[in-house]
Amino acid sequence: MAGRTPAAADRQDHSLKLALTAARVAEYHGKLTQAEERLKQFRASNPDARPGAGADVDARIAQL
């Protein structure tokens, strides 16, 4: 830290923390986007696996 003022070191530290946080946010955003796409594909392939589908099944069984 020779030649740098404490304020300069704090700014550099803060900038590094912001960059790391931004990288993490981007990583998690990518993971979330992939998970949402997999969920969308799963729901398209399995229409009975959506919320409330159990009630629909119960209603269809009651009609029989």
Protein backbone atom coordinates (compact mmCIF):
# COMPACT_ATOMS: atom_id res chain seq x y z
CA MET A 1 0.00 0.00 0.00
CA ALA A 2 3.04 2.23 -0.28
CA GLY A 3 2.31 5.57 -1.91
CA ARG A 4 -1.46 5.29 -1.65
CA THR A 5 -3.59 7.26 0.72
CA PRO A 6 -6.08 5.44 2.91
CA ALA A 7 -8.91 7.07 0.94
CA ALA A 8 -7.48 5.79 -2.34
CA ALA A 9 -7.15 2.31 -0.87
CA ASP A 10 -10.75 2.48 0.35
CA ARG A 11 -11.96 3.52 -3.11
CA GLN A 12 -10.01 0.71 -4.74
CA ASP A 13 -11.35 -1.79 -2.18
CA HIS A 14 -14.89 -0.52 -2.75
CA SER A 15 -14.49 -0.78 -6.53
CA LEU A 16 -13.21 -4.34 -6.20
CA LYS A 17 -16.16 -5.29 -3.99
CA LEU A 18 -18.59 -3.76 -6.48
CA ALA A 19 -16.98 -5.67 -9.35
CA LEU A 20 -17.15 -8.96 -7.43
CA THR A 21 -20.77 -8.32 -6.49
CA ALA A 22 -21.67 -7.50 -10.09
CA ALA A 23 -19.98 -10.71 -11.23
CA ARG A 24 -21.95 -12.74 -8.69
CA VAL A 25 -25.21 -11.08 -9.69
CA ALA A 26 -24.51 -11.87 -13.35
CA GLU A 27 -23.68 -15.48 -12.46
CA TYR A 28 -26.86 -15.93 -10.43
CA HIS A 29 -28.92 -14.22 -13.12
CA GLY A 30 -27.59 -16.72 -15.65
CA LYS A 31 -28.39 -19.64 -13.36
CA LEU A 32 -31.88 -18.29 -12.71
CA THR A 33 -32.54 -17.79 -16.41
CA GLN A 34 -31.43 -21.37 -17.12
CA ALA A 35 -33.59 -22.75 -14.30
CA GLU A 36 -36.63 -20.81 -15.52
CA GLU A 37 -36.11 -22.18 -19.03
CA ARG A 38 -35.83 -25.74 -17.71
CA LEU A 39 -39.02 -25.21 -15.67
CA LYS A 40 -40.81 -23.85 -18.74
CA GLN A 41 -39.74 -26.91 -20.76
CA PHE A 42 -40.77 -29.25 -17.94
CA ARG A 43 -44.20 -27.65 -17.64
CA ALA A 44 -44.68 -27.84 -21.41
CA SER A 45 -43.80 -31.54 -21.35
CA ASN A 46 -45.83 -32.28 -18.19
CA PRO A 47 -49.09 -30.32 -18.15
CA ASP A 48 -50.31 -32.24 -15.08
CA ALA A 49 -47.32 -30.99 -13.06
CA ARG A 50 -48.54 -27.42 -12.71
CA PRO A 51 -49.90 -25.86 -9.51
CA GLY A 52 -53.53 -26.77 -8.98
CA ALA A 53 -53.36 -29.78 -11.28
CA GLY A 54 -54.27 -32.03 -8.36
CA ALA A 55 -57.61 -30.27 -8.04
CA ASP A 56 -58.23 -30.80 -11.75
CA VAL A 57 -57.45 -34.49 -11.38
CA ASP A 58 -59.75 -34.76 -8.35
CA ALA A 59 -62.54 -33.05 -10.30
CA ARG A 60 -62.08 -35.40 -13.28
CA ILE A 61 -62.15 -38.44 -10.99
CA ALA A 62 -65.32 -37.17 -9.30
CA GLN A 63 -66.99 -36.87 -12.72
CA LEU A 64 -66.28 -40.53 -13.41
